[in-house]
Amino acid sequence: MNSKIFITIVFLLCFFIPKAHAGEVIDKIELRGKLLCGTSLESRAYAYKENGYWHGVDADFCNAVSIAIFGMPDKFDMIDISKENRFTALKKGKIDLLLGATPWTASDDLINNVDFTGVLFYSMQGFMAHYNPEKNSMESYKESRVCVLSNSANRKNLEKFNHDYELKFITVPEPNIRKLKEAFLLNRCELLSEDQLVLKAGLLGNFPDDMKLVVLPEVIDRKPSSPVVRSTDIKFRDIVNWVIYSMIKAEEKGITSKNVDIYKASNDDEVKNLLGTNPKLWKAMGLESYWAEVMIKNVGNYAEFYERNLGTNSIFKMDRGVNRLWTDGGQLWSPVFL
């Protein structure tokens, strides 16, 4: 091939092929002065505002990421995003970080041109039913109509569960959460299949008090819920990942919001890197050396984060189960902080 033609082709490829720019999203966040996180605000499941402050599992994590970026808490806002347009909102820059218990699937990861970060928690898909004392097993719900979101991982999981256990369910697909709830309330279906967190949130305020509803114990599927970022900023993706790992590592080391100051004197190399007494690690990412200390004081380690928002200290009272550390029989882990 003629050398001039080759050089021209290489130049054009370098110019036109999209690249992941380190800092593109971060620059916009810092210029704006706050981080924008997208989630569903239709219930108290993920985020809600009370007395001027955001609360909930997604709000807490958004706060943790904002602390990593700004070195101080509460530099964030929550944006209401529906499941149908969540990836579009992310790619168009309406939000910086997508939450809302977005399940990490191969198709969403590869087709939507986005990056899934680490697993924030595992969500369980289950059923809500109109209470009936005569129905005490899934077999007793055989041939029931089941409302589920159309074009969703939940629908695919439901269909597989239906096939595997030969329950002969009649699927009633609905386009969004509002329609799903409406169909269930109007008795167009005997069962509603969604994430258990959403179902429990519905019982605690999104359904009429006089309705006798129950969340069934059966679990259809366990889904890794991962924060999602645009694929145009490697640095931001890394920051989100290491916020998750830092919360987990703090729990592994016994560091809590109450005792973090004591651990600043630790000789453990992992603790020194985590809390920034050895500043080299976080400085390499362009972060303040003390950000993790501030994050732990305000948000806590992973156990505090989970129990406050989903577990024993929350309205949901959800057992940690697989959301325990791997050392406690769960599936959460963190890389070595060395």
C-alpha atoms as a PDB file:
ATOM      1  CA  MET A   1       0.000   0.000   0.000  1.00  0.00           C
ATOM      2  CA  ASN A   2       1.224   3.515  -0.829  1.00  0.00           C
ATOM      3  CA  SER A   3       2.668   5.060   2.357  1.00  0.00           C
ATOM      4  CA  LYS A   4       0.810   8.341   1.847  1.00  0.00           C
ATOM      5  CA  ILE A   5      -2.529   6.514   1.530  1.00  0.00           C
ATOM      6  CA  PHE A   6      -1.760   4.483   4.677  1.00  0.00           C
ATOM      7  CA  ILE A   7      -0.909   7.597   6.696  1.00  0.00           C
ATOM      8  CA  THR A   8      -4.116   9.283   5.476  1.00  0.00           C
ATOM      9  CA  ILE A   9      -6.260   6.282   6.543  1.00  0.00           C
ATOM     10  CA  VAL A  10      -4.627   6.171   9.977  1.00  0.00           C
ATOM     11  CA  PHE A  11      -5.230   9.911  10.414  1.00  0.00           C
ATOM     12  CA  LEU A  12      -8.891   9.606   9.451  1.00  0.00           C
ATOM     13  CA  LEU A  13      -9.435   6.653  11.791  1.00  0.00           C
ATOM     14  CA  CYS A  14      -7.874   8.526  14.685  1.00  0.00           C
ATOM     15  CA  PHE A  15     -10.027  11.552  13.938  1.00  0.00           C
ATOM     16  CA  PHE A  16     -13.403   9.893  13.446  1.00  0.00           C
ATOM     17  CA  ILE A  17     -13.423   6.865  15.785  1.00  0.00           C
ATOM     18  CA  PRO A  18     -15.091   7.899  19.083  1.00  0.00           C
ATOM     19  CA  LYS A  19     -12.835   7.712  22.122  1.00  0.00           C
ATOM     20  CA  ALA A  20     -13.392   7.416  25.870  1.00  0.00           C
ATOM     21  CA  HIS A  21     -12.093  10.705  27.229  1.00  0.00           C
ATOM     22  CA  ALA A  22     -10.882  10.694  30.816  1.00  0.00           C
ATOM     23  CA  GLY A  23     -12.671  13.466  32.649  1.00  0.00           C
ATOM     24  CA  GLU A  24     -15.387  14.486  30.174  1.00  0.00           C
ATOM     25  CA  VAL A  25     -18.295  13.701  32.517  1.00  0.00           C
ATOM     26  CA  ILE A  26     -16.356  14.816  35.599  1.00  0.00           C
ATOM     27  CA  ASP A  27     -15.666  18.198  33.981  1.00  0.00           C
ATOM     28  CA  LYS A  28     -19.396  18.752  33.381  1.00  0.00           C
ATOM     29  CA  ILE A  29     -20.286  17.717  36.932  1.00  0.00           C
ATOM     30  CA  GLU A  30     -17.720  20.064  38.456  1.00  0.00           C
ATOM     31  CA  LEU A  31     -18.794  22.934  36.197  1.00  0.00           C
ATOM     32  CA  ARG A  32     -22.441  22.361  37.176  1.00  0.00           C
ATOM     33  CA  GLY A  33     -21.540  22.102  40.855  1.00  0.00           C
ATOM     34  CA  LYS A  34     -23.509  18.931  41.533  1.00  0.00           C
ATOM     35  CA  LEU A  35     -23.942  15.320  40.452  1.00  0.00           C
ATOM     36  CA  LEU A  36     -27.221  14.277  38.766  1.00  0.00           C
ATOM     37  CA  CYS A  37     -28.420  10.737  39.518  1.00  0.00           C
ATOM     38  CA  GLY A  38     -31.374   9.128  37.760  1.00  0.00           C
ATOM     39  CA  THR A  39     -33.826   6.799  39.462  1.00  0.00           C
ATOM     40  CA  SER A  40     -37.550   6.143  39.809  1.00  0.00           C
ATOM     41  CA  LEU A  41     -39.237   8.527  42.228  1.00  0.00           C
ATOM     42  CA  GLU A  42     -42.653   6.854  41.940  1.00  0.00           C
ATOM     43  CA  SER A  43     -42.248   5.288  45.369  1.00  0.00           C
ATOM     44  CA  ARG A  44     -39.962   5.472  48.410  1.00  0.00           C
ATOM     45  CA  ALA A  45     -38.099   2.391  47.171  1.00  0.00           C
ATOM     46  CA  TYR A  46     -35.046   4.170  45.787  1.00  0.00           C
ATOM     47  CA  ALA A  47     -35.130   7.852  46.755  1.00  0.00           C
ATOM     48  CA  TYR A  48     -37.447  10.391  48.354  1.00  0.00           C
ATOM     49  CA  LYS A  49     -37.154  13.928  49.681  1.00  0.00           C
ATOM     50  CA  GLU A  50     -38.036  14.802  53.266  1.00  0.00           C
ATOM     51  CA  ASN A  51     -37.444  18.113  55.069  1.00  0.00           C
ATOM     52  CA  GLY A  52     -35.375  19.326  52.134  1.00  0.00           C
ATOM     53  CA  TYR A  53     -32.971  16.353  52.107  1.00  0.00           C
ATOM     54  CA  TRP A  54     -32.802  13.266  49.906  1.00  0.00           C
ATOM     55  CA  HIS A  55     -33.076   9.830  51.509  1.00  0.00           C
ATOM     56  CA  GLY A  56     -33.090   6.251  50.235  1.00  0.00           C
ATOM     57  CA  VAL A  57     -30.618   3.731  48.858  1.00  0.00           C
ATOM     58  CA  ASP A  58     -30.011   5.586  45.586  1.00  0.00           C
ATOM     59  CA  ALA A  59     -29.794   8.994  47.236  1.00  0.00           C
ATOM     60  CA  ASP A  60     -27.268   7.672  49.753  1.00  0.00           C
ATOM     61  CA  PHE A  61     -25.091   6.200  47.025  1.00  0.00           C
ATOM     62  CA  CYS A  62     -25.366   9.332  44.889  1.00  0.00           C
ATOM     63  CA  ASN A  63     -24.213  11.298  47.924  1.00  0.00           C
ATOM     64  CA  ALA A  64     -21.248   8.933  48.338  1.00  0.00           C
ATOM     65  CA  VAL A  65     -20.162   9.503  44.716  1.00  0.00           C
ATOM     66  CA  SER A  66     -20.620  13.267  45.054  1.00  0.00           C
ATOM     67  CA  ILE A  67     -18.327  13.215  48.106  1.00  0.00           C
ATOM     68  CA  ALA A  68     -15.657  11.459  46.040  1.00  0.00           C
ATOM     69  CA  ILE A  69     -15.906  14.193  43.383  1.00  0.00           C
ATOM     70  CA  PHE A  70     -16.315  17.300  45.554  1.00  0.00           C
ATOM     71  CA  GLY A  71     -14.825  16.197  48.885  1.00  0.00           C
ATOM     72  CA  MET A  72     -18.039  17.199  50.692  1.00  0.00           C
ATOM     73  CA  PRO A  73     -21.586  15.804  51.060  1.00  0.00           C
ATOM     74  CA  ASP A  74     -24.913  16.827  49.524  1.00  0.00           C
ATOM     75  CA  LYS A  75     -23.598  18.091  46.195  1.00  0.00           C
ATOM     76  CA  PHE A  76     -26.098  16.054  44.187  1.00  0.00           C
ATOM     77  CA  ASP A  77     -29.687  15.895  42.991  1.00  0.00           C
ATOM     78  CA  MET A  78     -32.042  13.054  42.086  1.00  0.00           C
ATOM     79  CA  ILE A  79     -33.830  13.051  38.709  1.00  0.00           C
ATOM     80  CA  ASP A  80     -36.998  11.031  38.064  1.00  0.00           C
ATOM     81  CA  ILE A  81     -36.314   8.544  35.257  1.00  0.00           C
ATOM     82  CA  SER A  82     -38.637   5.836  33.948  1.00  0.00           C
ATOM     83  CA  LYS A  83     -37.426   2.338  33.108  1.00  0.00           C
ATOM     84  CA  GLU A  84     -38.447   2.872  29.486  1.00  0.00           C
ATOM     85  CA  ASN A  85     -36.163   5.861  28.826  1.00  0.00           C
ATOM     86  CA  ARG A  86     -33.399   5.396  31.415  1.00  0.00           C
ATOM     87  CA  PHE A  87     -30.591   4.605  28.949  1.00  0.00           C
ATOM     88  CA  THR A  88     -31.663   7.395  26.599  1.00  0.00           C
ATOM     89  CA  ALA A  89     -31.632   9.890  29.478  1.00  0.00           C
ATOM     90  CA  LEU A  90     -28.128   8.753  30.429  1.00  0.00           C
ATOM     91  CA  LYS A  91     -26.685   8.904  26.910  1.00  0.00           C
ATOM     92  CA  LYS A  92     -28.215  12.325  26.227  1.00  0.00           C
ATOM     93  CA  GLY A  93     -26.668  13.742  29.402  1.00  0.00           C
ATOM     94  CA  LYS A  94     -29.887  14.402  31.308  1.00  0.00           C
ATOM     95  CA  ILE A  95     -28.267  12.460  34.154  1.00  0.00           C
ATOM     96  CA  ASP A  96     -24.665  11.558  34.992  1.00  0.00           C
ATOM     97  CA  LEU A  97     -25.317   8.313  36.853  1.00  0.00           C
ATOM     98  CA  LEU A  98     -28.157   5.826  36.362  1.00  0.00           C
ATOM     99  CA  LEU A  99     -29.374   3.949  39.448  1.00  0.00           C
ATOM    100  CA  GLY A 100     -32.892   2.608  40.169  1.00  0.00           C
ATOM    101  CA  ALA A 101     -31.757  -1.013  40.673  1.00  0.00           C
ATOM    102  CA  THR A 102     -30.851  -1.302  36.993  1.00  0.00           C
ATOM    103  CA  PRO A 103     -30.129  -5.003  36.358  1.00  0.00           C
ATOM    104  CA  TRP A 104     -26.779  -5.763  34.779  1.00  0.00           C
ATOM    105  CA  THR A 105     -27.520  -7.760  31.638  1.00  0.00           C
ATOM    106  CA  ALA A 106     -25.326  -8.601  28.645  1.00  0.00           C
ATOM    107  CA  SER A 107     -27.746  -7.053  26.147  1.00  0.00           C
ATOM    108  CA  ASP A 108     -28.041  -3.745  28.012  1.00  0.00           C
ATOM    109  CA  ASP A 109     -24.289  -3.573  28.561  1.00  0.00           C
ATOM    110  CA  LEU A 110     -23.279  -4.343  24.976  1.00  0.00           C
ATOM    111  CA  ILE A 111     -26.105  -2.892  22.889  1.00  0.00           C
ATOM    112  CA  ASN A 112     -26.787   0.390  24.723  1.00  0.00           C
ATOM    113  CA  ASN A 113     -23.175   1.620  24.591  1.00  0.00           C
ATOM    114  CA  VAL A 114     -23.047   2.251  28.345  1.00  0.00           C
ATOM    115  CA  ASP A 115     -20.802   0.958  31.125  1.00  0.00           C
ATOM    116  CA  PHE A 116     -22.095  -0.987  34.115  1.00  0.00           C
ATOM    117  CA  THR A 117     -19.925  -0.517  37.194  1.00  0.00           C
ATOM    118  CA  GLY A 118     -19.640  -2.804  40.228  1.00  0.00           C
ATOM    119  CA  VAL A 119     -22.630  -4.486  41.870  1.00  0.00           C
ATOM    120  CA  LEU A 120     -24.234  -2.131  44.403  1.00  0.00           C
ATOM    121  CA  PHE A 121     -26.655  -4.795  45.642  1.00  0.00           C
ATOM    122  CA  TYR A 122     -28.513  -7.870  44.437  1.00  0.00           C
ATOM    123  CA  SER A 123     -32.247  -7.348  43.984  1.00  0.00           C
ATOM    124  CA  MET A 124     -34.782 -10.165  44.147  1.00  0.00           C
ATOM    125  CA  GLN A 125     -37.727 -10.447  41.776  1.00  0.00           C
ATOM    126  CA  GLY A 126     -40.875 -11.803  43.367  1.00  0.00           C
ATOM    127  CA  PHE A 127     -44.670 -11.599  43.482  1.00  0.00           C
ATOM    128  CA  MET A 128     -47.360  -9.509  45.111  1.00  0.00           C
ATOM    129  CA  ALA A 129     -50.830 -11.036  45.446  1.00  0.00           C
ATOM    130  CA  HIS A 130     -54.308 -10.111  46.600  1.00  0.00           C
ATOM    131  CA  TYR A 131     -54.518 -11.899  49.936  1.00  0.00           C
ATOM    132  CA  ASN A 132     -56.327 -15.217  49.791  1.00  0.00           C
ATOM    133  CA  PRO A 133     -56.029 -17.609  52.776  1.00  0.00           C
ATOM    134  CA  GLU A 134     -56.728 -20.577  50.490  1.00  0.00           C
ATOM    135  CA  LYS A 135     -53.648 -19.900  48.382  1.00  0.00           C
ATOM    136  CA  ASN A 136     -50.513 -20.963  50.255  1.00  0.00           C
ATOM    137  CA  SER A 137     -48.088 -22.062  47.520  1.00  0.00           C
ATOM    138  CA  MET A 138     -47.151 -21.206  43.936  1.00  0.00           C
ATOM    139  CA  GLU A 139     -49.001 -24.322  42.818  1.00  0.00           C
ATOM    140  CA  SER A 140     -52.210 -22.789  44.195  1.00  0.00           C
ATOM    141  CA  TYR A 141     -51.686 -19.820  41.833  1.00  0.00           C
ATOM    142  CA  LYS A 142     -51.471 -22.074  38.779  1.00  0.00           C
ATOM    143  CA  GLU A 143     -53.081 -20.566  35.633  1.00  0.00           C
ATOM    144  CA  SER A 144     -53.237 -17.136  37.276  1.00  0.00           C
ATOM    145  CA  ARG A 145     -52.846 -13.904  35.324  1.00  0.00           C
ATOM    146  CA  VAL A 146     -49.599 -12.122  36.170  1.00  0.00           C
ATOM    147  CA  CYS A 147     -48.956  -8.437  35.524  1.00  0.00           C
ATOM    148  CA  VAL A 148     -45.370  -7.589  34.557  1.00  0.00           C
ATOM    149  CA  LEU A 149     -43.524  -4.830  32.719  1.00  0.00           C
ATOM    150  CA  SER A 150     -43.282  -5.476  28.995  1.00  0.00           C
ATOM    151  CA  ASN A 151     -39.862  -5.451  27.301  1.00  0.00           C
ATOM    152  CA  SER A 152     -38.107  -6.009  30.608  1.00  0.00           C
ATOM    153  CA  ALA A 153     -35.758  -8.535  32.199  1.00  0.00           C
ATOM    154  CA  ASN A 154     -38.566  -9.189  34.699  1.00  0.00           C
ATOM    155  CA  ARG A 155     -40.841 -10.460  31.942  1.00  0.00           C
ATOM    156  CA  LYS A 156     -38.158 -12.812  30.615  1.00  0.00           C
ATOM    157  CA  ASN A 157     -37.474 -14.102  34.125  1.00  0.00           C
ATOM    158  CA  LEU A 158     -41.201 -14.635  34.709  1.00  0.00           C
ATOM    159  CA  GLU A 159     -41.601 -16.580  31.470  1.00  0.00           C
ATOM    160  CA  LYS A 160     -38.658 -18.830  32.339  1.00  0.00           C
ATOM    161  CA  PHE A 161     -40.009 -19.405  35.873  1.00  0.00           C
ATOM    162  CA  ASN A 162     -43.431 -20.193  34.389  1.00  0.00           C
ATOM    163  CA  HIS A 163     -41.935 -22.678  31.942  1.00  0.00           C
ATOM    164  CA  ASP A 164     -39.617 -24.367  34.454  1.00  0.00           C
ATOM    165  CA  TYR A 165     -42.384 -24.972  37.020  1.00  0.00           C
ATOM    166  CA  GLU A 166     -45.224 -25.550  34.525  1.00  0.00           C
ATOM    167  CA  LEU A 167     -47.478 -23.020  36.255  1.00  0.00           C
ATOM    168  CA  LYS A 168     -49.382 -22.046  33.081  1.00  0.00           C
ATOM    169  CA  PHE A 169     -49.409 -18.372  34.015  1.00  0.00           C
ATOM    170  CA  ILE A 170     -51.124 -15.936  31.674  1.00  0.00           C
ATOM    171  CA  THR A 171     -48.769 -12.969  31.251  1.00  0.00           C
ATOM    172  CA  VAL A 172     -50.368  -9.513  31.287  1.00  0.00           C
ATOM    173  CA  PRO A 173     -47.663  -7.111  30.023  1.00  0.00           C
ATOM    174  CA  GLU A 174     -47.903  -3.411  30.859  1.00  0.00           C
ATOM    175  CA  PRO A 175     -45.757  -0.587  29.396  1.00  0.00           C
ATOM    176  CA  ASN A 176     -44.851   1.219  32.646  1.00  0.00           C
ATOM    177  CA  ILE A 177     -45.122   1.087  36.449  1.00  0.00           C
ATOM    178  CA  ARG A 178     -48.248   3.272  36.527  1.00  0.00           C
ATOM    179  CA  LYS A 179     -50.120   0.972  34.143  1.00  0.00           C
ATOM    180  CA  LEU A 180     -48.793  -2.066  35.977  1.00  0.00           C
ATOM    181  CA  LYS A 181     -50.166  -0.828  39.290  1.00  0.00           C
ATOM    182  CA  GLU A 182     -53.475   0.169  37.699  1.00  0.00           C
ATOM    183  CA  ALA A 183     -53.988  -3.277  36.141  1.00  0.00           C
ATOM    184  CA  PHE A 184     -53.257  -4.987  39.447  1.00  0.00           C
ATOM    185  CA  LEU A 185     -55.600  -2.716  41.431  1.00  0.00           C
ATOM    186  CA  LEU A 186     -58.394  -3.301  38.916  1.00  0.00           C
ATOM    187  CA  ASN A 187     -57.939  -7.070  39.300  1.00  0.00           C
ATOM    188  CA  ARG A 188     -56.882  -7.631  35.723  1.00  0.00           C
ATOM    189  CA  CYS A 189     -54.302  -9.956  37.228  1.00  0.00           C
ATOM    190  CA  GLU A 190     -54.067 -12.019  40.413  1.00  0.00           C
ATOM    191  CA  LEU A 191     -50.309 -11.542  40.739  1.00  0.00           C
ATOM    192  CA  LEU A 192     -47.868  -8.705  40.105  1.00  0.00           C
ATOM    193  CA  SER A 193     -44.219  -9.529  39.457  1.00  0.00           C
ATOM    194  CA  GLU A 194     -41.551  -6.916  40.231  1.00  0.00           C
ATOM    195  CA  ASP A 195     -38.445  -6.395  42.361  1.00  0.00           C
ATOM    196  CA  GLN A 196     -39.229  -7.154  46.001  1.00  0.00           C
ATOM    197  CA  LEU A 197     -38.045  -3.700  47.047  1.00  0.00           C
ATOM    198  CA  VAL A 198     -40.621  -2.088  44.738  1.00  0.00           C
ATOM    199  CA  LEU A 199     -43.324  -4.468  45.981  1.00  0.00           C
ATOM    200  CA  LYS A 200     -42.578  -3.739  49.640  1.00  0.00           C
ATOM    201  CA  ALA A 201     -42.518   0.009  48.928  1.00  0.00           C
ATOM    202  CA  GLY A 202     -45.941  -0.373  47.334  1.00  0.00           C
ATOM    203  CA  LEU A 203     -47.314  -2.064  50.438  1.00  0.00           C
ATOM    204  CA  LEU A 204     -45.957   0.778  52.557  1.00  0.00           C
ATOM    205  CA  GLY A 205     -47.724   3.604  50.797  1.00  0.00           C
ATOM    206  CA  ASN A 206     -48.475   3.159  47.105  1.00  0.00           C
ATOM    207  CA  PHE A 207     -51.642   1.064  47.456  1.00  0.00           C
ATOM    208  CA  PRO A 208     -54.942   1.798  49.220  1.00  0.00           C
ATOM    209  CA  ASP A 209     -54.898   0.941  52.924  1.00  0.00           C
ATOM    210  CA  ASP A 210     -58.069  -1.141  52.695  1.00  0.00           C
ATOM    211  CA  MET A 211     -56.590  -3.542  50.130  1.00  0.00           C
ATOM    212  CA  LYS A 212     -55.328  -6.812  51.558  1.00  0.00           C
ATOM    213  CA  LEU A 213     -52.093  -7.440  49.718  1.00  0.00           C
ATOM    214  CA  VAL A 214     -49.131  -9.676  50.449  1.00  0.00           C
ATOM    215  CA  VAL A 215     -45.604 -10.127  49.079  1.00  0.00           C
ATOM    216  CA  LEU A 216     -45.096 -13.842  48.498  1.00  0.00           C
ATOM    217  CA  PRO A 217     -41.861 -15.489  49.719  1.00  0.00           C
ATOM    218  CA  GLU A 218     -40.991 -17.014  46.334  1.00  0.00           C
ATOM    219  CA  VAL A 219     -38.022 -15.499  44.484  1.00  0.00           C
ATOM    220  CA  ILE A 220     -38.012 -15.739  40.691  1.00  0.00           C
ATOM    221  CA  ASP A 221     -34.542 -14.412  40.128  1.00  0.00           C
ATOM    222  CA  ARG A 222     -31.603 -12.645  41.762  1.00  0.00           C
ATOM    223  CA  LYS A 223     -30.350  -9.696  39.716  1.00  0.00           C
ATOM    224  CA  PRO A 224     -27.098  -7.764  40.123  1.00  0.00           C
ATOM    225  CA  SER A 225     -28.088  -4.097  40.392  1.00  0.00           C
ATOM    226  CA  SER A 226     -25.320  -1.878  39.121  1.00  0.00           C
ATOM    227  CA  PRO A 227     -24.845   1.873  38.719  1.00  0.00           C
ATOM    228  CA  VAL A 228     -24.530   2.750  35.020  1.00  0.00           C
ATOM    229  CA  VAL A 229     -22.447   5.469  33.372  1.00  0.00           C
ATOM    230  CA  ARG A 230     -21.855   6.705  29.848  1.00  0.00           C
ATOM    231  CA  SER A 231     -19.013   4.947  28.064  1.00  0.00           C
ATOM    232  CA  THR A 232     -17.254   8.253  27.353  1.00  0.00           C
ATOM    233  CA  ASP A 233     -15.447   8.793  30.640  1.00  0.00           C
ATOM    234  CA  ILE A 234     -13.169   6.102  32.045  1.00  0.00           C
ATOM    235  CA  LYS A 235     -12.277   8.245  35.052  1.00  0.00           C
ATOM    236  CA  PHE A 236     -15.889   8.651  36.181  1.00  0.00           C
ATOM    237  CA  ARG A 237     -16.534   4.927  35.765  1.00  0.00           C
ATOM    238  CA  ASP A 238     -13.489   4.192  37.932  1.00  0.00           C
ATOM    239  CA  ILE A 239     -14.638   6.628  40.618  1.00  0.00           C
ATOM    240  CA  VAL A 240     -18.086   5.000  40.844  1.00  0.00           C
ATOM    241  CA  ASN A 241     -16.476   1.553  41.033  1.00  0.00           C
ATOM    242  CA  TRP A 242     -14.096   2.542  43.830  1.00  0.00           C
ATOM    243  CA  VAL A 243     -16.843   4.206  45.852  1.00  0.00           C
ATOM    244  CA  ILE A 244     -18.578   0.813  45.991  1.00  0.00           C
ATOM    245  CA  TYR A 245     -15.322  -0.979  46.797  1.00  0.00           C
ATOM    246  CA  SER A 246     -14.473   1.566  49.508  1.00  0.00           C
ATOM    247  CA  MET A 247     -17.779   1.000  51.302  1.00  0.00           C
ATOM    248  CA  ILE A 248     -17.216  -2.763  51.194  1.00  0.00           C
ATOM    249  CA  LYS A 249     -13.569  -2.520  52.245  1.00  0.00           C
ATOM    250  CA  ALA A 250     -14.546  -0.323  55.210  1.00  0.00           C
ATOM    251  CA  GLU A 251     -16.932  -3.037  56.414  1.00  0.00           C
ATOM    252  CA  GLU A 252     -14.259  -5.715  55.902  1.00  0.00           C
ATOM    253  CA  LYS A 253     -11.856  -3.724  58.082  1.00  0.00           C
ATOM    254  CA  GLY A 254     -14.447  -2.891  60.760  1.00  0.00           C
ATOM    255  CA  ILE A 255     -14.396   0.833  59.970  1.00  0.00           C
ATOM    256  CA  THR A 256     -17.706   2.581  60.659  1.00  0.00           C
ATOM    257  CA  SER A 257     -19.062   6.124  60.651  1.00  0.00           C
ATOM    258  CA  LYS A 258     -18.518   6.186  64.412  1.00  0.00           C
ATOM    259  CA  ASN A 259     -14.915   4.939  64.639  1.00  0.00           C
ATOM    260  CA  VAL A 260     -13.301   6.123  61.391  1.00  0.00           C
ATOM    261  CA  ASP A 261     -11.116   8.677  63.208  1.00  0.00           C
ATOM    262  CA  ILE A 262      -9.547   5.933  65.325  1.00  0.00           C
ATOM    263  CA  TYR A 263      -8.544   3.981  62.217  1.00  0.00           C
ATOM    264  CA  LYS A 264      -6.614   6.945  60.810  1.00  0.00           C
ATOM    265  CA  ALA A 265      -3.779   5.857  63.112  1.00  0.00           C
ATOM    266  CA  SER A 266      -3.809   2.292  61.736  1.00  0.00           C
ATOM    267  CA  ASN A 267      -0.629   0.696  60.385  1.00  0.00           C
ATOM    268  CA  ASP A 268      -2.634  -1.536  58.035  1.00  0.00           C
ATOM    269  CA  ASP A 269      -1.559  -0.591  54.495  1.00  0.00           C
ATOM    270  CA  GLU A 270      -5.053  -1.165  53.075  1.00  0.00           C
ATOM    271  CA  VAL A 271      -6.582   1.114  55.706  1.00  0.00           C
ATOM    272  CA  LYS A 272      -3.934   3.774  55.086  1.00  0.00           C
ATOM    273  CA  ASN A 273      -4.730   3.729  51.357  1.00  0.00           C
ATOM    274  CA  LEU A 274      -8.489   3.736  51.969  1.00  0.00           C
ATOM    275  CA  LEU A 275      -8.516   6.631  54.427  1.00  0.00           C
ATOM    276  CA  GLY A 276      -5.871   8.627  52.604  1.00  0.00           C
ATOM    277  CA  THR A 277      -3.202   8.720  55.302  1.00  0.00           C
ATOM    278  CA  ASN A 278      -1.189   7.363  52.408  1.00  0.00           C
ATOM    279  CA  PRO A 279      -2.469   9.852  49.776  1.00  0.00           C
ATOM    280  CA  LYS A 280      -0.809   8.295  46.725  1.00  0.00           C
ATOM    281  CA  LEU A 281      -3.724   6.022  45.708  1.00  0.00           C
ATOM    282  CA  TRP A 282      -6.475   8.641  45.554  1.00  0.00           C
ATOM    283  CA  LYS A 283      -4.198  11.385  44.237  1.00  0.00           C
ATOM    284  CA  ALA A 284      -3.534   9.144  41.219  1.00  0.00           C
ATOM    285  CA  MET A 285      -7.270   9.340  40.464  1.00  0.00           C
ATOM    286  CA  GLY A 286      -7.362  13.104  40.942  1.00  0.00           C
ATOM    287  CA  LEU A 287      -9.363  12.806  44.176  1.00  0.00           C
ATOM    288  CA  GLU A 288      -8.827  14.442  47.549  1.00  0.00           C
ATOM    289  CA  SER A 289      -6.899  12.045  49.775  1.00  0.00           C
ATOM    290  CA  TYR A 290      -9.512  12.328  52.547  1.00  0.00           C
ATOM    291  CA  TRP A 291     -12.674  11.736  50.471  1.00  0.00           C
ATOM    292  CA  ALA A 292     -13.277   8.166  51.723  1.00  0.00           C
ATOM    293  CA  GLU A 293     -13.040   9.329  55.340  1.00  0.00           C
ATOM    294  CA  VAL A 294     -15.710  11.985  54.661  1.00  0.00           C
ATOM    295  CA  MET A 295     -17.835   9.437  52.777  1.00  0.00           C
ATOM    296  CA  ILE A 296     -17.713   6.890  55.597  1.00  0.00           C
ATOM    297  CA  LYS A 297     -18.590   9.561  58.193  1.00  0.00           C
ATOM    298  CA  ASN A 298     -21.630  10.659  56.173  1.00  0.00           C
ATOM    299  CA  VAL A 299     -22.810   7.449  54.475  1.00  0.00           C
ATOM    300  CA  GLY A 300     -21.128   4.696  56.470  1.00  0.00           C
ATOM    301  CA  ASN A 301     -19.567   1.402  55.487  1.00  0.00           C
ATOM    302  CA  TYR A 302     -21.556  -1.036  53.339  1.00  0.00           C
ATOM    303  CA  ALA A 303     -23.335  -2.640  56.311  1.00  0.00           C
ATOM    304  CA  GLU A 304     -24.486   0.756  57.611  1.00  0.00           C
ATOM    305  CA  PHE A 305     -25.530   1.802  54.097  1.00  0.00           C
ATOM    306  CA  TYR A 306     -27.556  -1.393  53.560  1.00  0.00           C
ATOM    307  CA  GLU A 307     -29.219  -1.648  56.972  1.00  0.00           C
ATOM    308  CA  ARG A 308     -30.260   2.023  56.961  1.00  0.00           C
ATOM    309  CA  ASN A 309     -31.815   1.916  53.488  1.00  0.00           C
ATOM    310  CA  LEU A 310     -32.928  -1.678  52.932  1.00  0.00           C
ATOM    311  CA  GLY A 311     -32.363  -3.731  56.060  1.00  0.00           C
ATOM    312  CA  THR A 312     -33.214  -3.805  59.739  1.00  0.00           C
ATOM    313  CA  ASN A 313     -33.099  -0.024  60.263  1.00  0.00           C
ATOM    314  CA  SER A 314     -35.288   0.704  57.224  1.00  0.00           C
ATOM    315  CA  ILE A 315     -39.006   0.427  56.583  1.00  0.00           C
ATOM    316  CA  PHE A 316     -38.350  -2.554  54.280  1.00  0.00           C
ATOM    317  CA  LYS A 317     -36.655  -4.895  56.807  1.00  0.00           C
ATOM    318  CA  MET A 318     -34.980  -6.891  54.028  1.00  0.00           C
ATOM    319  CA  ASP A 319     -32.494  -9.541  55.091  1.00  0.00           C
ATOM    320  CA  ARG A 320     -29.006  -9.004  53.626  1.00  0.00           C
ATOM    321  CA  GLY A 321     -28.786 -12.551  52.277  1.00  0.00           C
ATOM    322  CA  VAL A 322     -26.408 -12.575  49.300  1.00  0.00           C
ATOM    323  CA  ASN A 323     -25.714  -8.880  49.984  1.00  0.00           C
ATOM    324  CA  ARG A 324     -23.410  -9.940  52.817  1.00  0.00           C
ATOM    325  CA  LEU A 325     -19.637  -9.901  52.433  1.00  0.00           C
ATOM    326  CA  TRP A 326     -18.163 -13.004  50.826  1.00  0.00           C
ATOM    327  CA  THR A 327     -16.467 -13.741  54.154  1.00  0.00           C
ATOM    328  CA  ASP A 328     -19.950 -13.987  55.727  1.00  0.00           C
ATOM    329  CA  GLY A 329     -21.421 -16.237  53.044  1.00  0.00           C
ATOM    330  CA  GLY A 330     -22.572 -13.452  50.706  1.00  0.00           C
ATOM    331  CA  GLN A 331     -21.370 -12.326  47.291  1.00  0.00           C
ATOM    332  CA  LEU A 332     -19.945  -8.861  47.949  1.00  0.00           C
ATOM    333  CA  TRP A 333     -16.197  -8.386  47.662  1.00  0.00           C
ATOM    334  CA  SER A 334     -13.633  -5.667  47.171  1.00  0.00           C
ATOM    335  CA  PRO A 335     -10.239  -5.690  45.434  1.00  0.00           C
ATOM    336  CA  VAL A 336      -7.150  -5.437  47.625  1.00  0.00           C
ATOM    337  CA  PHE A 337      -6.361  -1.803  48.514  1.00  0.00           C
ATOM    338  CA  LEU A 338      -2.611  -2.015  47.823  1.00  0.00           C
END
